[in-house]
Amino acid sequence: MSEPTGAARRRGPFKVGDQVQLTDPKGRHYTFTLEAGKNFHTHKGSFPHDELIGAPEGSVVRTTGNVAYLALRPLLPDYVLSMPRGAAVVYPKDAGQILAFADIFPGARVVEAGVGSGSLSSFLLRAIGDQGMLHSYERRADFAEIAQANVERYFGGPHPAWQLTVGDLQDNLSDTDVDRVILDMLAPWECLEAVSKALVPGGILCCYVATTTQLARTVESIREIGCFNEPTAWETMIRNWHIEGLAVRPDHRMIGHTGFLLTARRLADGVEPPMRRRRPAKGAYGEDYAGPNADGGTGH
């Protein structure tokens, strides 16, 4: 039985073509690709790539300036933060939430809109495996080109489960029986009609948006279309801790707001969502409010 795509690049001694992440004594990272006969140069000296080729992961190399560097393969979270960018990447903290709360499983049929630099695509492909399907849509050809190069660099070549289309999802979506849809775009509400036709009953829609106004309009549009259950929305923040003996304190900096996530599940055809028991706060909707698209009722 053959190994899943990319698995051979994640274990064993270092080989030509492997990505290597060096960590210096101050904890700074340097990522490069191993090439026979090449040298890695820093302001603290250099060392030959050949010194790492064939060495086990977790080795320590010293430069000509006698500075020690720890050599490991970059984890996927490390890789996506250091890879070339066209658009902003989906941060690992959000990608992890998407994998968990959108319930991305091996073999899943997933549609993604808004590929950006290929960060989330890499996480999704590793989760669905070779037997799954990821169809990614990206409006901009230059972003798609960068994303394709980044994904193929990580997996060591084209991934058999990935299809990348340049164009708008709402104009090009032809996939059916889709298990999950991930929308990372400015106006996800524009795609809801197309998405609702593609998703299987019980399938999950997950949207990643940057602002509260986008979040509010997306949620109201999902409620208005009437074929999803009540959306759930949240954000995540990460704060590292400094631990040195008895000096245990939070770091002064943290990864704060990057975006909002929301999920909703597709209902069976012909089913109306149960009426929400929760009442909106007084003043949540002004007297002149006419729905998220300003062309009808509020949907409540």
C-alpha atoms as a PDB file:
ATOM      1  CA  MET A   1       0.000   0.000   0.000  1.00  0.00           C
ATOM      2  CA  SER A   2       1.507   3.316  -1.045  1.00  0.00           C
ATOM      3  CA  GLU A   3       2.024   6.100   1.465  1.00  0.00           C
ATOM      4  CA  PRO A   4      -0.319   9.109   1.464  1.00  0.00           C
ATOM      5  CA  THR A   5       0.895  12.035  -0.618  1.00  0.00           C
ATOM      6  CA  GLY A   6       3.618  13.941   1.186  1.00  0.00           C
ATOM      7  CA  ALA A   7       4.048  11.435   4.045  1.00  0.00           C
ATOM      8  CA  ALA A   8       7.513  10.318   2.930  1.00  0.00           C
ATOM      9  CA  ARG A   9       8.687  13.923   3.236  1.00  0.00           C
ATOM     10  CA  ARG A  10       7.704  14.030   6.914  1.00  0.00           C
ATOM     11  CA  ARG A  11       9.931  11.291   8.339  1.00  0.00           C
ATOM     12  CA  GLY A  12      13.359   9.655   8.072  1.00  0.00           C
ATOM     13  CA  PRO A  13      16.791  11.192   7.453  1.00  0.00           C
ATOM     14  CA  PHE A  14      17.041  14.468   5.588  1.00  0.00           C
ATOM     15  CA  LYS A  15      17.021  14.070   1.789  1.00  0.00           C
ATOM     16  CA  VAL A  16      17.743  16.323  -1.160  1.00  0.00           C
ATOM     17  CA  GLY A  17      14.641  18.453  -1.787  1.00  0.00           C
ATOM     18  CA  ASP A  18      13.495  18.398   1.845  1.00  0.00           C
ATOM     19  CA  GLN A  19      12.505  21.616   3.581  1.00  0.00           C
ATOM     20  CA  VAL A  20      14.681  22.310   6.618  1.00  0.00           C
ATOM     21  CA  GLN A  21      13.946  24.729   9.435  1.00  0.00           C
ATOM     22  CA  LEU A  22      16.962  25.924  11.403  1.00  0.00           C
ATOM     23  CA  THR A  23      16.571  27.417  14.876  1.00  0.00           C
ATOM     24  CA  ASP A  24      19.346  29.665  16.184  1.00  0.00           C
ATOM     25  CA  PRO A  25      20.261  30.181  19.875  1.00  0.00           C
ATOM     26  CA  LYS A  26      17.780  33.101  20.076  1.00  0.00           C
ATOM     27  CA  GLY A  27      14.902  30.998  18.755  1.00  0.00           C
ATOM     28  CA  ARG A  28      14.817  32.586  15.280  1.00  0.00           C
ATOM     29  CA  HIS A  29      13.854  30.346  12.351  1.00  0.00           C
ATOM     30  CA  TYR A  30      15.442  30.028   8.910  1.00  0.00           C
ATOM     31  CA  THR A  31      13.830  27.781   6.271  1.00  0.00           C
ATOM     32  CA  PHE A  32      15.505  26.485   3.115  1.00  0.00           C
ATOM     33  CA  THR A  33      15.479  23.531   0.704  1.00  0.00           C
ATOM     34  CA  LEU A  34      18.315  21.001   0.781  1.00  0.00           C
ATOM     35  CA  GLU A  35      20.426  20.897  -2.379  1.00  0.00           C
ATOM     36  CA  ALA A  36      23.569  18.826  -2.856  1.00  0.00           C
ATOM     37  CA  GLY A  37      26.733  20.909  -3.065  1.00  0.00           C
ATOM     38  CA  LYS A  38      25.086  24.131  -1.822  1.00  0.00           C
ATOM     39  CA  ASN A  39      25.984  26.145   1.288  1.00  0.00           C
ATOM     40  CA  PHE A  40      23.667  27.841   3.786  1.00  0.00           C
ATOM     41  CA  HIS A  41      24.884  31.331   4.680  1.00  0.00           C
ATOM     42  CA  THR A  42      24.042  33.472   7.707  1.00  0.00           C
ATOM     43  CA  HIS A  43      25.664  36.523   9.279  1.00  0.00           C
ATOM     44  CA  LYS A  44      27.124  34.011  11.766  1.00  0.00           C
ATOM     45  CA  GLY A  45      28.926  31.952   9.121  1.00  0.00           C
ATOM     46  CA  SER A  46      27.934  29.120   6.793  1.00  0.00           C
ATOM     47  CA  PHE A  47      27.793  25.333   6.523  1.00  0.00           C
ATOM     48  CA  PRO A  48      27.335  22.914   3.585  1.00  0.00           C
ATOM     49  CA  HIS A  49      23.927  21.382   2.873  1.00  0.00           C
ATOM     50  CA  ASP A  50      25.738  18.044   2.491  1.00  0.00           C
ATOM     51  CA  GLU A  51      26.326  18.063   6.236  1.00  0.00           C
ATOM     52  CA  LEU A  52      22.579  17.604   6.759  1.00  0.00           C
ATOM     53  CA  ILE A  53      21.788  15.299   3.825  1.00  0.00           C
ATOM     54  CA  GLY A  54      21.482  11.814   5.303  1.00  0.00           C
ATOM     55  CA  ALA A  55      21.489  13.119   8.888  1.00  0.00           C
ATOM     56  CA  PRO A  56      18.569  12.364  11.213  1.00  0.00           C
ATOM     57  CA  GLU A  57      15.991  15.028  11.908  1.00  0.00           C
ATOM     58  CA  GLY A  58      16.789  16.857  15.129  1.00  0.00           C
ATOM     59  CA  SER A  59      20.509  17.152  14.320  1.00  0.00           C
ATOM     60  CA  VAL A  60      22.616  20.163  15.318  1.00  0.00           C
ATOM     61  CA  VAL A  61      24.946  21.823  12.812  1.00  0.00           C
ATOM     62  CA  ARG A  62      27.613  24.451  13.441  1.00  0.00           C
ATOM     63  CA  THR A  63      28.518  27.276  11.115  1.00  0.00           C
ATOM     64  CA  THR A  64      32.035  28.423  10.323  1.00  0.00           C
ATOM     65  CA  GLY A  65      31.429  31.012  13.061  1.00  0.00           C
ATOM     66  CA  ASN A  66      30.872  28.166  15.570  1.00  0.00           C
ATOM     67  CA  VAL A  67      27.173  28.979  16.065  1.00  0.00           C
ATOM     68  CA  ALA A  68      24.920  25.957  16.655  1.00  0.00           C
ATOM     69  CA  TYR A  69      21.626  25.564  14.768  1.00  0.00           C
ATOM     70  CA  LEU A  70      18.964  22.926  15.451  1.00  0.00           C
ATOM     71  CA  ALA A  71      17.719  21.333  12.200  1.00  0.00           C
ATOM     72  CA  LEU A  72      14.132  20.041  11.946  1.00  0.00           C
ATOM     73  CA  ARG A  73      11.560  19.771   9.206  1.00  0.00           C
ATOM     74  CA  PRO A  74       9.107  22.685   9.452  1.00  0.00           C
ATOM     75  CA  LEU A  75       5.680  21.770  10.734  1.00  0.00           C
ATOM     76  CA  LEU A  76       2.792  22.782   8.518  1.00  0.00           C
ATOM     77  CA  PRO A  77       2.012  25.777  10.809  1.00  0.00           C
ATOM     78  CA  ASP A  78       5.643  26.885  10.405  1.00  0.00           C
ATOM     79  CA  TYR A  79       5.564  26.345   6.661  1.00  0.00           C
ATOM     80  CA  VAL A  80       2.445  28.409   5.963  1.00  0.00           C
ATOM     81  CA  LEU A  81       3.771  31.355   7.979  1.00  0.00           C
ATOM     82  CA  SER A  82       7.069  31.415   6.060  1.00  0.00           C
ATOM     83  CA  MET A  83       5.897  30.569   2.529  1.00  0.00           C
ATOM     84  CA  PRO A  84       5.681  33.205  -0.257  1.00  0.00           C
ATOM     85  CA  ARG A  85       2.437  35.180  -0.107  1.00  0.00           C
ATOM     86  CA  GLY A  86       0.116  36.700  -2.623  1.00  0.00           C
ATOM     87  CA  ALA A  87      -2.761  37.300  -0.203  1.00  0.00           C
ATOM     88  CA  ALA A  88      -2.779  37.044   3.578  1.00  0.00           C
ATOM     89  CA  VAL A  89      -2.660  33.472   4.869  1.00  0.00           C
ATOM     90  CA  VAL A  90      -5.197  31.761   7.094  1.00  0.00           C
ATOM     91  CA  TYR A  91      -3.344  31.557  10.413  1.00  0.00           C
ATOM     92  CA  PRO A  92      -2.753  28.092  11.892  1.00  0.00           C
ATOM     93  CA  LYS A  93      -4.979  28.898  14.881  1.00  0.00           C
ATOM     94  CA  ASP A  94      -7.907  29.506  12.527  1.00  0.00           C
ATOM     95  CA  ALA A  95      -7.046  26.603  10.213  1.00  0.00           C
ATOM     96  CA  GLY A  96      -7.092  24.283  13.226  1.00  0.00           C
ATOM     97  CA  GLN A  97     -10.516  25.576  14.253  1.00  0.00           C
ATOM     98  CA  ILE A  98     -11.818  25.070  10.722  1.00  0.00           C
ATOM     99  CA  LEU A  99     -10.561  21.480  10.610  1.00  0.00           C
ATOM    100  CA  ALA A 100     -12.198  20.743  13.975  1.00  0.00           C
ATOM    101  CA  PHE A 101     -15.491  22.634  13.842  1.00  0.00           C
ATOM    102  CA  ALA A 102     -16.150  22.098  10.139  1.00  0.00           C
ATOM    103  CA  ASP A 103     -15.458  18.425  10.900  1.00  0.00           C
ATOM    104  CA  ILE A 104     -13.061  17.841   8.005  1.00  0.00           C
ATOM    105  CA  PHE A 105     -12.641  14.058   7.739  1.00  0.00           C
ATOM    106  CA  PRO A 106     -10.583  11.654   5.572  1.00  0.00           C
ATOM    107  CA  GLY A 107     -12.293  11.217   2.216  1.00  0.00           C
ATOM    108  CA  ALA A 108     -14.459  14.331   2.578  1.00  0.00           C
ATOM    109  CA  ARG A 109     -15.637  16.213  -0.507  1.00  0.00           C
ATOM    110  CA  VAL A 110     -14.774  19.849   0.192  1.00  0.00           C
ATOM    111  CA  VAL A 111     -15.226  23.074  -1.766  1.00  0.00           C
ATOM    112  CA  GLU A 112     -13.107  26.092  -0.873  1.00  0.00           C
ATOM    113  CA  ALA A 113     -13.490  29.641  -2.188  1.00  0.00           C
ATOM    114  CA  GLY A 114     -10.735  32.191  -1.681  1.00  0.00           C
ATOM    115  CA  VAL A 115      -7.459  30.253  -1.952  1.00  0.00           C
ATOM    116  CA  GLY A 116      -5.186  33.188  -1.148  1.00  0.00           C
ATOM    117  CA  SER A 117      -1.657  31.831  -0.749  1.00  0.00           C
ATOM    118  CA  GLY A 118      -2.638  28.172  -0.259  1.00  0.00           C
ATOM    119  CA  SER A 119      -2.401  27.986   3.533  1.00  0.00           C
ATOM    120  CA  LEU A 120      -5.854  26.557   4.232  1.00  0.00           C
ATOM    121  CA  SER A 121      -5.702  24.401   1.098  1.00  0.00           C
ATOM    122  CA  SER A 122      -2.636  22.646   2.529  1.00  0.00           C
ATOM    123  CA  PHE A 123      -4.367  21.963   5.850  1.00  0.00           C
ATOM    124  CA  LEU A 124      -7.522  20.722   4.109  1.00  0.00           C
ATOM    125  CA  LEU A 125      -5.640  18.417   1.727  1.00  0.00           C
ATOM    126  CA  ARG A 126      -3.700  16.822   4.551  1.00  0.00           C
ATOM    127  CA  ALA A 127      -6.952  16.231   6.453  1.00  0.00           C
ATOM    128  CA  ILE A 128      -9.024  14.748   3.596  1.00  0.00           C
ATOM    129  CA  GLY A 129      -6.178  12.584   2.247  1.00  0.00           C
ATOM    130  CA  ASP A 130      -5.711  11.157  -1.229  1.00  0.00           C
ATOM    131  CA  GLN A 131      -9.230   9.672  -1.331  1.00  0.00           C
ATOM    132  CA  GLY A 132     -10.984  12.964  -0.634  1.00  0.00           C
ATOM    133  CA  MET A 133     -11.743  15.856  -2.976  1.00  0.00           C
ATOM    134  CA  LEU A 134     -10.860  19.521  -2.574  1.00  0.00           C
ATOM    135  CA  HIS A 135     -12.070  21.886  -5.286  1.00  0.00           C
ATOM    136  CA  SER A 136     -10.661  25.355  -4.685  1.00  0.00           C
ATOM    137  CA  TYR A 137     -11.879  28.507  -6.411  1.00  0.00           C
ATOM    138  CA  GLU A 138      -9.812  31.690  -6.634  1.00  0.00           C
ATOM    139  CA  ARG A 139     -10.798  34.852  -8.496  1.00  0.00           C
ATOM    140  CA  ARG A 140      -7.264  36.088  -9.089  1.00  0.00           C
ATOM    141  CA  ALA A 141      -4.948  34.120 -11.369  1.00  0.00           C
ATOM    142  CA  ASP A 142      -1.820  35.539  -9.686  1.00  0.00           C
ATOM    143  CA  PHE A 143      -2.981  34.345  -6.256  1.00  0.00           C
ATOM    144  CA  ALA A 144      -3.871  30.929  -7.698  1.00  0.00           C
ATOM    145  CA  GLU A 145      -0.389  30.585  -9.197  1.00  0.00           C
ATOM    146  CA  ILE A 146       1.299  31.383  -5.883  1.00  0.00           C
ATOM    147  CA  ALA A 147      -1.033  29.039  -3.978  1.00  0.00           C
ATOM    148  CA  GLN A 148      -0.399  26.168  -6.388  1.00  0.00           C
ATOM    149  CA  ALA A 149       3.375  26.569  -6.048  1.00  0.00           C
ATOM    150  CA  ASN A 150       3.145  26.672  -2.239  1.00  0.00           C
ATOM    151  CA  VAL A 151       0.912  23.598  -1.989  1.00  0.00           C
ATOM    152  CA  GLU A 152       3.030  21.562  -4.410  1.00  0.00           C
ATOM    153  CA  ARG A 153       6.225  22.587  -2.622  1.00  0.00           C
ATOM    154  CA  TYR A 154       4.821  21.307   0.667  1.00  0.00           C
ATOM    155  CA  PHE A 155       3.542  17.979  -0.692  1.00  0.00           C
ATOM    156  CA  GLY A 156       6.463  17.453  -3.068  1.00  0.00           C
ATOM    157  CA  GLY A 157       4.309  17.693  -6.200  1.00  0.00           C
ATOM    158  CA  PRO A 158       0.656  17.862  -7.310  1.00  0.00           C
ATOM    159  CA  HIS A 159      -1.861  16.485  -4.813  1.00  0.00           C
ATOM    160  CA  PRO A 160      -4.236  13.908  -6.364  1.00  0.00           C
ATOM    161  CA  ALA A 161      -7.246  15.202  -4.405  1.00  0.00           C
ATOM    162  CA  TRP A 162      -6.875  18.850  -5.435  1.00  0.00           C
ATOM    163  CA  GLN A 163      -8.523  20.765  -8.254  1.00  0.00           C
ATOM    164  CA  LEU A 164      -7.920  24.521  -8.576  1.00  0.00           C
ATOM    165  CA  THR A 165     -10.240  26.722 -10.649  1.00  0.00           C
ATOM    166  CA  VAL A 166      -9.637  30.399 -11.433  1.00  0.00           C
ATOM    167  CA  GLY A 167     -12.986  32.196 -11.310  1.00  0.00           C
ATOM    168  CA  ASP A 168     -15.923  33.112  -9.057  1.00  0.00           C
ATOM    169  CA  LEU A 169     -17.458  30.236  -7.136  1.00  0.00           C
ATOM    170  CA  GLN A 170     -21.037  31.397  -7.715  1.00  0.00           C
ATOM    171  CA  ASP A 171     -20.458  31.425 -11.471  1.00  0.00           C
ATOM    172  CA  ASN A 172     -18.448  28.211 -11.785  1.00  0.00           C
ATOM    173  CA  LEU A 173     -19.592  25.853  -9.026  1.00  0.00           C
ATOM    174  CA  SER A 174     -20.666  22.578 -10.601  1.00  0.00           C
ATOM    175  CA  ASP A 175     -19.800  20.181  -7.767  1.00  0.00           C
ATOM    176  CA  THR A 176     -22.628  18.210  -6.187  1.00  0.00           C
ATOM    177  CA  ASP A 177     -22.927  16.056  -3.064  1.00  0.00           C
ATOM    178  CA  VAL A 178     -20.383  18.244  -1.296  1.00  0.00           C
ATOM    179  CA  ASP A 179     -19.767  17.509   2.396  1.00  0.00           C
ATOM    180  CA  ARG A 180     -18.166  20.808   3.418  1.00  0.00           C
ATOM    181  CA  VAL A 181     -17.871  24.316   1.975  1.00  0.00           C
ATOM    182  CA  ILE A 182     -15.287  26.805   3.275  1.00  0.00           C
ATOM    183  CA  LEU A 183     -15.696  30.447   2.216  1.00  0.00           C
ATOM    184  CA  ASP A 184     -12.770  32.810   2.837  1.00  0.00           C
ATOM    185  CA  MET A 185     -13.867  35.890   0.928  1.00  0.00           C
ATOM    186  CA  LEU A 186     -15.149  39.459   1.230  1.00  0.00           C
ATOM    187  CA  ALA A 187     -18.815  38.707   0.507  1.00  0.00           C
ATOM    188  CA  PRO A 188     -19.674  35.073   1.333  1.00  0.00           C
ATOM    189  CA  TRP A 189     -23.400  35.916   1.265  1.00  0.00           C
ATOM    190  CA  GLU A 190     -23.152  36.194  -2.519  1.00  0.00           C
ATOM    191  CA  CYS A 191     -22.426  32.441  -2.719  1.00  0.00           C
ATOM    192  CA  LEU A 192     -25.108  31.097  -0.391  1.00  0.00           C
ATOM    193  CA  GLU A 193     -27.597  30.103  -3.083  1.00  0.00           C
ATOM    194  CA  ALA A 194     -24.961  28.174  -5.060  1.00  0.00           C
ATOM    195  CA  VAL A 195     -23.546  26.612  -1.902  1.00  0.00           C
ATOM    196  CA  SER A 196     -26.951  25.481  -0.637  1.00  0.00           C
ATOM    197  CA  LYS A 197     -27.504  23.549  -3.870  1.00  0.00           C
ATOM    198  CA  ALA A 198     -24.113  21.834  -3.684  1.00  0.00           C
ATOM    199  CA  LEU A 199     -24.136  20.777  -0.013  1.00  0.00           C
ATOM    200  CA  VAL A 200     -25.592  17.446   1.082  1.00  0.00           C
ATOM    201  CA  PRO A 201     -28.178  17.492   3.897  1.00  0.00           C
ATOM    202  CA  GLY A 202     -26.219  17.784   7.122  1.00  0.00           C
ATOM    203  CA  GLY A 203     -23.253  19.266   5.275  1.00  0.00           C
ATOM    204  CA  ILE A 204     -21.371  22.135   6.899  1.00  0.00           C
ATOM    205  CA  LEU A 205     -20.843  25.676   5.638  1.00  0.00           C
ATOM    206  CA  CYS A 206     -17.902  27.452   7.287  1.00  0.00           C
ATOM    207  CA  CYS A 207     -17.175  31.140   6.616  1.00  0.00           C
ATOM    208  CA  TYR A 208     -14.048  33.096   7.555  1.00  0.00           C
ATOM    209  CA  VAL A 209     -14.535  36.876   7.605  1.00  0.00           C
ATOM    210  CA  ALA A 210     -12.487  39.767   8.958  1.00  0.00           C
ATOM    211  CA  THR A 211     -14.963  42.354  10.243  1.00  0.00           C
ATOM    212  CA  THR A 212     -18.066  42.535  12.410  1.00  0.00           C
ATOM    213  CA  THR A 213     -20.095  44.035   9.551  1.00  0.00           C
ATOM    214  CA  GLN A 214     -19.196  41.092   7.294  1.00  0.00           C
ATOM    215  CA  LEU A 215     -20.038  38.696  10.118  1.00  0.00           C
ATOM    216  CA  ALA A 216     -23.430  40.284  10.769  1.00  0.00           C
ATOM    217  CA  ARG A 217     -24.440  40.335   7.113  1.00  0.00           C
ATOM    218  CA  THR A 218     -23.321  36.746   6.571  1.00  0.00           C
ATOM    219  CA  VAL A 219     -25.301  35.469   9.567  1.00  0.00           C
ATOM    220  CA  GLU A 220     -28.431  37.405   8.585  1.00  0.00           C
ATOM    221  CA  SER A 221     -28.168  36.145   4.999  1.00  0.00           C
ATOM    222  CA  ILE A 222     -27.832  32.545   6.192  1.00  0.00           C
ATOM    223  CA  ARG A 223     -30.948  33.000   8.324  1.00  0.00           C
ATOM    224  CA  GLU A 224     -32.813  34.591   5.431  1.00  0.00           C
ATOM    225  CA  ILE A 225     -32.066  31.858   2.876  1.00  0.00           C
ATOM    226  CA  GLY A 226     -33.850  29.425   5.196  1.00  0.00           C
ATOM    227  CA  CYS A 227     -32.104  26.118   4.460  1.00  0.00           C
ATOM    228  CA  PHE A 228     -29.489  26.145   7.243  1.00  0.00           C
ATOM    229  CA  ASN A 229     -29.740  25.739  10.987  1.00  0.00           C
ATOM    230  CA  GLU A 230     -28.872  28.630  13.306  1.00  0.00           C
ATOM    231  CA  PRO A 231     -25.253  29.764  12.627  1.00  0.00           C
ATOM    232  CA  THR A 232     -22.595  29.700  15.320  1.00  0.00           C
ATOM    233  CA  ALA A 233     -19.904  32.408  15.299  1.00  0.00           C
ATOM    234  CA  TRP A 234     -16.680  32.864  17.269  1.00  0.00           C
ATOM    235  CA  GLU A 235     -13.055  34.004  17.202  1.00  0.00           C
ATOM    236  CA  THR A 236      -9.918  32.590  18.804  1.00  0.00           C
ATOM    237  CA  MET A 237      -6.854  34.190  20.327  1.00  0.00           C
ATOM    238  CA  ILE A 238      -3.534  32.677  21.367  1.00  0.00           C
ATOM    239  CA  ARG A 239      -1.279  33.904  24.164  1.00  0.00           C
ATOM    240  CA  ASN A 240       2.012  32.118  24.770  1.00  0.00           C
ATOM    241  CA  TRP A 241       3.617  31.868  28.193  1.00  0.00           C
ATOM    242  CA  HIS A 242       7.199  32.500  29.289  1.00  0.00           C
ATOM    243  CA  ILE A 243       8.453  29.786  31.657  1.00  0.00           C
ATOM    244  CA  GLU A 244      11.905  30.126  33.228  1.00  0.00           C
ATOM    245  CA  GLY A 245      12.198  28.438  36.618  1.00  0.00           C
ATOM    246  CA  LEU A 246       9.759  30.191  38.925  1.00  0.00           C
ATOM    247  CA  ALA A 247       9.326  33.082  36.497  1.00  0.00           C
ATOM    248  CA  VAL A 248       6.066  32.056  34.848  1.00  0.00           C
ATOM    249  CA  ARG A 249       4.172  34.841  33.098  1.00  0.00           C
ATOM    250  CA  PRO A 250       2.236  35.479  29.896  1.00  0.00           C
ATOM    251  CA  ASP A 251       4.137  36.872  26.924  1.00  0.00           C
ATOM    252  CA  HIS A 252       3.725  40.585  26.303  1.00  0.00           C
ATOM    253  CA  ARG A 253       2.540  39.908  22.747  1.00  0.00           C
ATOM    254  CA  MET A 254      -0.188  37.577  21.537  1.00  0.00           C
ATOM    255  CA  ILE A 255      -1.906  36.499  18.330  1.00  0.00           C
ATOM    256  CA  GLY A 256      -5.163  38.382  18.724  1.00  0.00           C
ATOM    257  CA  HIS A 257      -7.934  38.978  16.238  1.00  0.00           C
ATOM    258  CA  THR A 258      -7.298  37.579  12.769  1.00  0.00           C
ATOM    259  CA  GLY A 259     -10.850  36.814  11.693  1.00  0.00           C
ATOM    260  CA  PHE A 260     -14.273  35.514  12.676  1.00  0.00           C
ATOM    261  CA  LEU A 261     -15.434  31.985  11.960  1.00  0.00           C
ATOM    262  CA  LEU A 262     -19.004  30.838  11.626  1.00  0.00           C
ATOM    263  CA  THR A 263     -20.560  27.499  10.827  1.00  0.00           C
ATOM    264  CA  ALA A 264     -24.056  26.372   9.813  1.00  0.00           C
ATOM    265  CA  ARG A 265     -25.446  23.016   8.691  1.00  0.00           C
ATOM    266  CA  ARG A 266     -27.537  22.328   5.618  1.00  0.00           C
ATOM    267  CA  LEU A 267     -31.063  21.187   6.350  1.00  0.00           C
ATOM    268  CA  ALA A 268     -32.933  18.556   4.356  1.00  0.00           C
ATOM    269  CA  ASP A 269     -34.787  19.831   1.289  1.00  0.00           C
ATOM    270  CA  GLY A 270     -38.204  21.247   2.092  1.00  0.00           C
ATOM    271  CA  VAL A 271     -37.505  21.581   5.820  1.00  0.00           C
ATOM    272  CA  GLU A 272     -37.929  24.923   7.548  1.00  0.00           C
ATOM    273  CA  PRO A 273     -35.462  25.760  10.306  1.00  0.00           C
ATOM    274  CA  PRO A 274     -36.988  25.646  13.819  1.00  0.00           C
ATOM    275  CA  MET A 275     -37.948  29.066  15.121  1.00  0.00           C
ATOM    276  CA  ARG A 276     -35.282  30.598  17.290  1.00  0.00           C
ATOM    277  CA  ARG A 277     -36.326  30.868  20.928  1.00  0.00           C
ATOM    278  CA  ARG A 278     -33.807  33.597  21.648  1.00  0.00           C
ATOM    279  CA  ARG A 279     -35.068  37.141  21.172  1.00  0.00           C
ATOM    280  CA  PRO A 280     -32.766  39.832  19.824  1.00  0.00           C
ATOM    281  CA  ALA A 281     -31.728  42.591  22.192  1.00  0.00           C
ATOM    282  CA  LYS A 282     -33.871  45.729  22.211  1.00  0.00           C
ATOM    283  CA  GLY A 283     -32.630  48.009  19.442  1.00  0.00           C
ATOM    284  CA  ALA A 284     -30.734  45.228  17.632  1.00  0.00           C
ATOM    285  CA  TYR A 285     -32.824  45.961  14.538  1.00  0.00           C
ATOM    286  CA  GLY A 286     -33.839  49.532  13.763  1.00  0.00           C
ATOM    287  CA  GLU A 287     -37.354  50.403  12.638  1.00  0.00           C
ATOM    288  CA  ASP A 288     -36.143  50.852   9.075  1.00  0.00           C
ATOM    289  CA  TYR A 289     -34.204  47.536   8.937  1.00  0.00           C
ATOM    290  CA  ALA A 290     -35.141  45.630   5.784  1.00  0.00           C
ATOM    291  CA  GLY A 291     -32.987  42.510   5.923  1.00  0.00           C
ATOM    292  CA  PRO A 292     -29.346  41.891   5.021  1.00  0.00           C
ATOM    293  CA  ASN A 293     -29.888  42.649   1.364  1.00  0.00           C
ATOM    294  CA  ALA A 294     -32.291  45.578   1.967  1.00  0.00           C
ATOM    295  CA  ASP A 295     -34.901  44.026  -0.324  1.00  0.00           C
ATOM    296  CA  GLY A 296     -37.419  42.421   1.961  1.00  0.00           C
ATOM    297  CA  GLY A 297     -38.172  41.340   5.502  1.00  0.00           C
ATOM    298  CA  THR A 298     -35.715  40.427   8.204  1.00  0.00           C
ATOM    299  CA  GLY A 299     -36.342  36.711   7.860  1.00  0.00           C
ATOM    300  CA  HIS A 300     -37.591  36.449  11.434  1.00  0.00           C
END
